[in-house]
PDB file of N, CA and C in Angstrom:
ATOM      1  N   MET A   1       0.836  -1.169   0.000  1.00  0.00           N
ATOM      2  CA  MET A   1       0.000   0.000   0.000  1.00  0.00           C
ATOM      3  C   MET A   1       0.889   1.243   0.000  1.00  0.00           C
ATOM      4  N   ASN A   2       0.519   2.216  -0.811  1.00  0.00           N
ATOM      5  CA  ASN A   2       1.293   3.444  -0.921  1.00  0.00           C
ATOM      6  C   ASN A   2       0.917   4.429   0.181  1.00  0.00           C
ATOM      7  N   ASN A   3       1.884   5.224   0.562  1.00  0.00           N
ATOM      8  CA  ASN A   3       1.668   6.230   1.591  1.00  0.00           C
ATOM      9  C   ASN A   3       1.159   7.523   0.976  1.00  0.00           C
ATOM     10  N   ILE A   4       0.370   8.263   1.746  1.00  0.00           N
ATOM     11  CA  ILE A   4      -0.096   9.585   1.365  1.00  0.00           C
ATOM     12  C   ILE A   4       0.645  10.587   2.249  1.00  0.00           C
ATOM     13  N   TYR A   5       1.193  11.622   1.634  1.00  0.00           N
ATOM     14  CA  TYR A   5       1.928  12.649   2.363  1.00  0.00           C
ATOM     15  C   TYR A   5       1.367  14.004   1.958  1.00  0.00           C
ATOM     16  N   TYR A   6       1.126  14.854   2.949  1.00  0.00           N
ATOM     17  CA  TYR A   6       0.619  16.202   2.696  1.00  0.00           C
ATOM     18  C   TYR A   6       1.783  17.187   2.792  1.00  0.00           C
ATOM     19  N   HIS A   7       1.956  17.982   1.746  1.00  0.00           N
ATOM     20  CA  HIS A   7       2.994  19.010   1.707  1.00  0.00           C
ATOM     21  C   HIS A   7       2.333  20.316   1.282  1.00  0.00           C
ATOM     22  N   ASN A   8       2.365  21.307   2.171  1.00  0.00           N
ATOM     23  CA  ASN A   8       1.692  22.597   1.931  1.00  0.00           C
ATOM     24  C   ASN A   8       0.216  22.419   1.593  1.00  0.00           C
ATOM     25  N   GLY A   9      -0.439  21.472   2.253  1.00  0.00           N
ATOM     26  CA  GLY A   9      -1.869  21.250   2.059  1.00  0.00           C
ATOM     27  C   GLY A   9      -2.216  20.412   0.851  1.00  0.00           C
ATOM     28  N   GLN A  10      -1.239  20.052   0.049  1.00  0.00           N
ATOM     29  CA  GLN A  10      -1.470  19.247  -1.158  1.00  0.00           C
ATOM     30  C   GLN A  10      -1.141  17.776  -0.852  1.00  0.00           C
ATOM     31  N   PRO A  11      -2.068  16.851  -1.149  1.00  0.00           N
ATOM     32  CA  PRO A  11      -1.764  15.438  -0.904  1.00  0.00           C
ATOM     33  C   PRO A  11      -0.972  14.821  -2.064  1.00  0.00           C
ATOM     34  N   TYR A  12      -0.009  13.989  -1.706  1.00  0.00           N
ATOM     35  CA  TYR A  12       0.802  13.271  -2.681  1.00  0.00           C
ATOM     36  C   TYR A  12       0.807  11.784  -2.337  1.00  0.00           C
ATOM     37  N   LYS A  13       0.745  10.971  -3.344  1.00  0.00           N
ATOM     38  CA  LYS A  13       0.880   9.519  -3.192  1.00  0.00           C
ATOM     39  C   LYS A  13       2.354   9.198  -3.445  1.00  0.00           C
ATOM     40  N   ILE A  14       3.035   8.660  -2.449  1.00  0.00           N
ATOM     41  CA  ILE A  14       4.455   8.349  -2.569  1.00  0.00           C
ATOM     42  C   ILE A  14       4.597   7.028  -3.324  1.00  0.00           C
ATOM     43  N   LEU A  15       5.232   7.101  -4.491  1.00  0.00           N
ATOM     44  CA  LEU A  15       5.406   5.924  -5.326  1.00  0.00           C
ATOM     45  C   LEU A  15       6.727   5.210  -5.053  1.00  0.00           C
ATOM     46  N   ARG A  16       7.766   6.001  -4.722  1.00  0.00           N
ATOM     47  CA  ARG A  16       9.085   5.409  -4.495  1.00  0.00           C
ATOM     48  C   ARG A  16       9.938   6.366  -3.692  1.00  0.00           C
ATOM     49  N   LYS A  17      10.789   5.839  -2.846  1.00  0.00           N
ATOM     50  CA  LYS A  17      11.756   6.639  -2.089  1.00  0.00           C
ATOM     51  C   LYS A  17      13.155   6.218  -2.526  1.00  0.00           C
ATOM     52  N   LEU A  18      13.981   7.215  -2.863  1.00  0.00           N
ATOM     53  CA  LEU A  18      15.358   6.966  -3.273  1.00  0.00           C
ATOM     54  C   LEU A  18      16.312   7.636  -2.295  1.00  0.00           C
ATOM     55  N   LYS A  19      17.309   6.937  -1.887  1.00  0.00           N
ATOM     56  CA  LYS A  19      18.360   7.549  -1.076  1.00  0.00           C
ATOM     57  C   LYS A  19      19.125   8.529  -1.950  1.00  0.00           C
ATOM     58  N   SER A  20      19.496   9.664  -1.373  1.00  0.00           N
ATOM     59  CA  SER A  20      20.126  10.724  -2.164  1.00  0.00           C
ATOM     60  C   SER A  20      21.442  10.280  -2.800  1.00  0.00           C
ATOM     61  N   HIS A  21      22.171   9.359  -2.170  1.00  0.00           N
ATOM     62  CA  HIS A  21      23.438   8.927  -2.761  1.00  0.00           C
ATOM     63  C   HIS A  21      23.234   8.154  -4.069  1.00  0.00           C
ATOM     64  N   ASN A  22      22.014   7.679  -4.323  1.00  0.00           N
ATOM     65  CA  ASN A  22      21.741   6.974  -5.575  1.00  0.00           C
ATOM     66  C   ASN A  22      21.606   7.924  -6.765  1.00  0.00           C
ATOM     67  N   VAL A  23      21.312   9.191  -6.508  1.00  0.00           N
ATOM     68  CA  VAL A  23      21.211  10.178  -7.584  1.00  0.00           C
ATOM     69  C   VAL A  23      22.219  11.314  -7.406  1.00  0.00           C
ATOM     70  N   SER A  24      23.118  11.159  -6.449  1.00  0.00           N
ATOM     71  CA  SER A  24      24.150  12.165  -6.193  1.00  0.00           C
ATOM     72  C   SER A  24      25.528  11.517  -6.127  1.00  0.00           C
ATOM     73  N   PRO A  25      25.954  10.917  -7.242  1.00  0.00           N
ATOM     74  CA  PRO A  25      27.293  10.324  -7.201  1.00  0.00           C
ATOM     75  C   PRO A  25      28.360  11.407  -7.026  1.00  0.00           C
ATOM     76  N   LYS A  26      29.356  11.102  -6.284  1.00  0.00           N
ATOM     77  CA  LYS A  26      30.469  12.014  -6.011  1.00  0.00           C
ATOM     78  C   LYS A  26      30.021  13.288  -5.294  1.00  0.00           C
ATOM     79  N   GLY A  27      28.864  13.243  -4.622  1.00  0.00           N
ATOM     80  CA  GLY A  27      28.454  14.350  -3.784  1.00  0.00           C
ATOM     81  C   GLY A  27      27.683  15.471  -4.454  1.00  0.00           C
ATOM     82  N   TYR A  28      27.430  15.399  -5.754  1.00  0.00           N
ATOM     83  CA  TYR A  28      26.637  16.454  -6.391  1.00  0.00           C
ATOM     84  C   TYR A  28      25.394  15.829  -7.039  1.00  0.00           C
ATOM     85  N   LEU A  29      24.310  16.583  -7.018  1.00  0.00           N
ATOM     86  CA  LEU A  29      23.031  16.093  -7.502  1.00  0.00           C
ATOM     87  C   LEU A  29      23.026  15.998  -9.026  1.00  0.00           C
ATOM     88  N   ASN A  30      22.662  14.837  -9.535  1.00  0.00           N
ATOM     89  CA  ASN A  30      22.515  14.623 -10.967  1.00  0.00           C
ATOM     90  C   ASN A  30      21.032  14.755 -11.306  1.00  0.00           C
ATOM     91  N   MET A  31      20.612  15.972 -11.702  1.00  0.00           N
ATOM     92  CA  MET A  31      19.191  16.244 -11.977  1.00  0.00           C
ATOM     93  C   MET A  31      18.660  15.389 -13.119  1.00  0.00           C
ATOM     94  N   GLU A  32      19.472  15.138 -14.134  1.00  0.00           N
ATOM     95  CA  GLU A  32      19.012  14.326 -15.271  1.00  0.00           C
ATOM     96  C   GLU A  32      18.678  12.912 -14.810  1.00  0.00           C
ATOM     97  N   LEU A  33      19.495  12.356 -13.945  1.00  0.00           N
ATOM     98  CA  LEU A  33      19.244  11.018 -13.416  1.00  0.00           C
ATOM     99  C   LEU A  33      17.969  11.007 -12.580  1.00  0.00           C
ATOM    100  N   LEU A  34      17.775  12.026 -11.770  1.00  0.00           N
ATOM    101  CA  LEU A  34      16.568  12.125 -10.951  1.00  0.00           C
ATOM    102  C   LEU A  34      15.325  12.266 -11.832  1.00  0.00           C
ATOM    103  N   LYS A  35      15.407  13.066 -12.894  1.00  0.00           N
ATOM    104  CA  LYS A  35      14.284  13.221 -13.827  1.00  0.00           C
ATOM    105  C   LYS A  35      13.963  11.903 -14.530  1.00  0.00           C
ATOM    106  N   GLU A  36      14.994  11.153 -14.892  1.00  0.00           N
ATOM    107  CA  GLU A  36      14.764   9.854 -15.540  1.00  0.00           C
ATOM    108  C   GLU A  36      14.069   8.882 -14.592  1.00  0.00           C
ATOM    109  N   TRP A  37      14.477   8.865 -13.331  1.00  0.00           N
ATOM    110  CA  TRP A  37      13.806   8.039 -12.327  1.00  0.00           C
ATOM    111  C   TRP A  37      12.342   8.444 -12.204  1.00  0.00           C
ATOM    112  N   ARG A  38      12.099   9.772 -12.102  1.00  0.00           N
ATOM    113  CA  ARG A  38      10.737  10.297 -11.973  1.00  0.00           C
ATOM    114  C   ARG A  38       9.868   9.836 -13.139  1.00  0.00           C
ATOM    115  N   ASP A  39      10.382   9.963 -14.353  1.00  0.00           N
ATOM    116  CA  ASP A  39       9.620   9.571 -15.536  1.00  0.00           C
ATOM    117  C   ASP A  39       9.414   8.058 -15.602  1.00  0.00           C
ATOM    118  N   TYR A  40      10.432   7.291 -15.243  1.00  0.00           N
ATOM    119  CA  TYR A  40      10.345   5.829 -15.271  1.00  0.00           C
ATOM    120  C   TYR A  40       9.274   5.315 -14.298  1.00  0.00           C
ATOM    121  N   ILE A  41       9.221   5.907 -13.112  1.00  0.00           N
ATOM    122  CA  ILE A  41       8.261   5.497 -12.084  1.00  0.00           C
ATOM    123  C   ILE A  41       6.852   5.975 -12.425  1.00  0.00           C
ATOM    124  N   GLY A  42       6.744   7.064 -13.194  1.00  0.00           N
ATOM    125  CA  GLY A  42       5.439   7.630 -13.523  1.00  0.00           C
ATOM    126  C   GLY A  42       5.016   8.699 -12.529  1.00  0.00           C
ATOM    127  N   ALA A  43       5.988   9.278 -11.837  1.00  0.00           N
ATOM    128  CA  ALA A  43       5.699  10.335 -10.874  1.00  0.00           C
ATOM    129  C   ALA A  43       5.597  11.680 -11.589  1.00  0.00           C
ATOM    130  N   ASP A  44       4.922  12.629 -10.939  1.00  0.00           N
ATOM    131  CA  ASP A  44       4.840  13.975 -11.498  1.00  0.00           C
ATOM    132  C   ASP A  44       5.402  15.032 -10.551  1.00  0.00           C
ATOM    133  N   HIS A  45       5.956  14.583  -9.414  1.00  0.00           N
ATOM    134  CA  HIS A  45       6.492  15.524  -8.431  1.00  0.00           C
ATOM    135  C   HIS A  45       7.579  14.813  -7.611  1.00  0.00           C
ATOM    136  N   VAL A  46       8.604  15.569  -7.243  1.00  0.00           N
ATOM    137  CA  VAL A  46       9.683  15.029  -6.415  1.00  0.00           C
ATOM    138  C   VAL A  46       9.813  15.894  -5.169  1.00  0.00           C
ATOM    139  N   LEU A  47       9.831  15.253  -4.017  1.00  0.00           N
ATOM    140  CA  LEU A  47      10.050  15.935  -2.740  1.00  0.00           C
ATOM    141  C   LEU A  47      11.373  15.458  -2.158  1.00  0.00           C
ATOM    142  N   GLN A  48      12.098  16.355  -1.508  1.00  0.00           N
ATOM    143  CA  GLN A  48      13.337  15.979  -0.838  1.00  0.00           C
ATOM    144  C   GLN A  48      13.114  16.014   0.660  1.00  0.00           C
ATOM    145  N   LYS A  49      13.382  14.914   1.309  1.00  0.00           N
ATOM    146  CA  LYS A  49      13.249  14.783   2.759  1.00  0.00           C
ATOM    147  C   LYS A  49      14.559  14.239   3.305  1.00  0.00           C
ATOM    148  N   GLN A  50      15.282  15.080   4.020  1.00  0.00           N
ATOM    149  CA  GLN A  50      16.569  14.733   4.636  1.00  0.00           C
ATOM    150  C   GLN A  50      17.487  14.081   3.612  1.00  0.00           C
ATOM    151  N   ASP A  51      17.745  12.789   3.705  1.00  0.00           N
ATOM    152  CA  ASP A  51      18.668  12.134   2.773  1.00  0.00           C
ATOM    153  C   ASP A  51      17.940  11.285   1.732  1.00  0.00           C
ATOM    154  N   GLU A  52      16.684  11.641   1.420  1.00  0.00           N
ATOM    155  CA  GLU A  52      15.899  10.878   0.449  1.00  0.00           C
ATOM    156  C   GLU A  52      15.201  11.811  -0.541  1.00  0.00           C
ATOM    157  N   PHE A  53      14.935  11.271  -1.704  1.00  0.00           N
ATOM    158  CA  PHE A  53      14.056  11.907  -2.671  1.00  0.00           C
ATOM    159  C   PHE A  53      12.823  11.028  -2.778  1.00  0.00           C
ATOM    160  N   TRP A  54      11.655  11.641  -2.663  1.00  0.00           N
ATOM    161  CA  TRP A  54      10.395  10.916  -2.762  1.00  0.00           C
ATOM    162  C   TRP A  54       9.767  11.222  -4.112  1.00  0.00           C
ATOM    163  N   LEU A  55       9.540  10.181  -4.901  1.00  0.00           N
ATOM    164  CA  LEU A  55       8.897  10.323  -6.197  1.00  0.00           C
ATOM    165  C   LEU A  55       7.404  10.151  -5.972  1.00  0.00           C
ATOM    166  N   CYS A  56       6.634  11.182  -6.304  1.00  0.00           N
ATOM    167  CA  CYS A  56       5.228  11.231  -5.915  1.00  0.00           C
ATOM    168  C   CYS A  56       4.303  11.478  -7.095  1.00  0.00           C
ATOM    169  N   GLU A  57       3.062  11.111  -6.878  1.00  0.00           N
ATOM    170  CA  GLU A  57       1.978  11.429  -7.798  1.00  0.00           C
ATOM    171  C   GLU A  57       1.040  12.390  -7.063  1.00  0.00           C
ATOM    172  N   THR A  58       0.737  13.516  -7.700  1.00  0.00           N
ATOM    173  CA  THR A  58      -0.155  14.499  -7.103  1.00  0.00           C
ATOM    174  C   THR A  58      -1.576  13.961  -7.079  1.00  0.00           C
ATOM    175  N   ILE A  59      -2.230  14.047  -5.921  1.00  0.00           N
ATOM    176  CA  ILE A  59      -3.630  13.626  -5.812  1.00  0.00           C
ATOM    177  C   ILE A  59      -4.477  14.858  -6.054  1.00  0.00           C
ATOM    178  N   LYS A  60      -5.236  14.824  -7.120  1.00  0.00           N
ATOM    179  CA  LYS A  60      -6.042  15.978  -7.505  1.00  0.00           C
ATOM    180  C   LYS A  60      -7.412  15.906  -6.861  1.00  0.00           C
ATOM    181  N   ASP A  61      -8.021  17.072  -6.706  1.00  0.00           N
ATOM    182  CA  ASP A  61      -9.372  17.145  -6.161  1.00  0.00           C
ATOM    183  C   ASP A  61     -10.358  16.451  -7.095  1.00  0.00           C
ATOM    184  N   ALA A  62     -11.384  15.880  -6.514  1.00  0.00           N
ATOM    185  CA  ALA A  62     -12.429  15.229  -7.312  1.00  0.00           C
ATOM    186  C   ALA A  62     -13.228  16.266  -8.085  1.00  0.00           C
ATOM    187  N   GLU A  63     -13.620  15.891  -9.286  1.00  0.00           N
ATOM    188  CA  GLU A  63     -14.446  16.760 -10.111  1.00  0.00           C
ATOM    189  C   GLU A  63     -15.793  16.096 -10.333  1.00  0.00           C
ATOM    190  N   VAL A  64     -16.858  16.885 -10.267  1.00  0.00           N
ATOM    191  CA  VAL A  64     -18.199  16.376 -10.514  1.00  0.00           C
ATOM    192  C   VAL A  64     -18.441  16.448 -12.012  1.00  0.00           C
ATOM    193  N   ILE A  65     -18.776  15.313 -12.599  1.00  0.00           N
ATOM    194  CA  ILE A  65     -19.063  15.240 -14.041  1.00  0.00           C
ATOM    195  C   ILE A  65     -20.555  15.000 -14.198  1.00  0.00           C
ATOM    196  N   GLU A  66     -21.203  15.903 -14.919  1.00  0.00           N
ATOM    197  CA  GLU A  66     -22.646  15.764 -15.109  1.00  0.00           C
ATOM    198  C   GLU A  66     -22.977  15.413 -16.532  1.00  0.00           C
TER     199      GLU A  66
END
């Protein structure tokens, strides 16, 4: 089961957590590698928490369809 995390009032479904050293070889952040992970997982948002990057899907408000 996936976790739900609220950030600034917006709910996110956490799809995957990556340790920062997996996308920061030699101590610097490789944004291209992080973007590729995000796209591969199907996430639309990345949050950084301490030594992890959380690949998330934004949970949108329900819409009434008539």
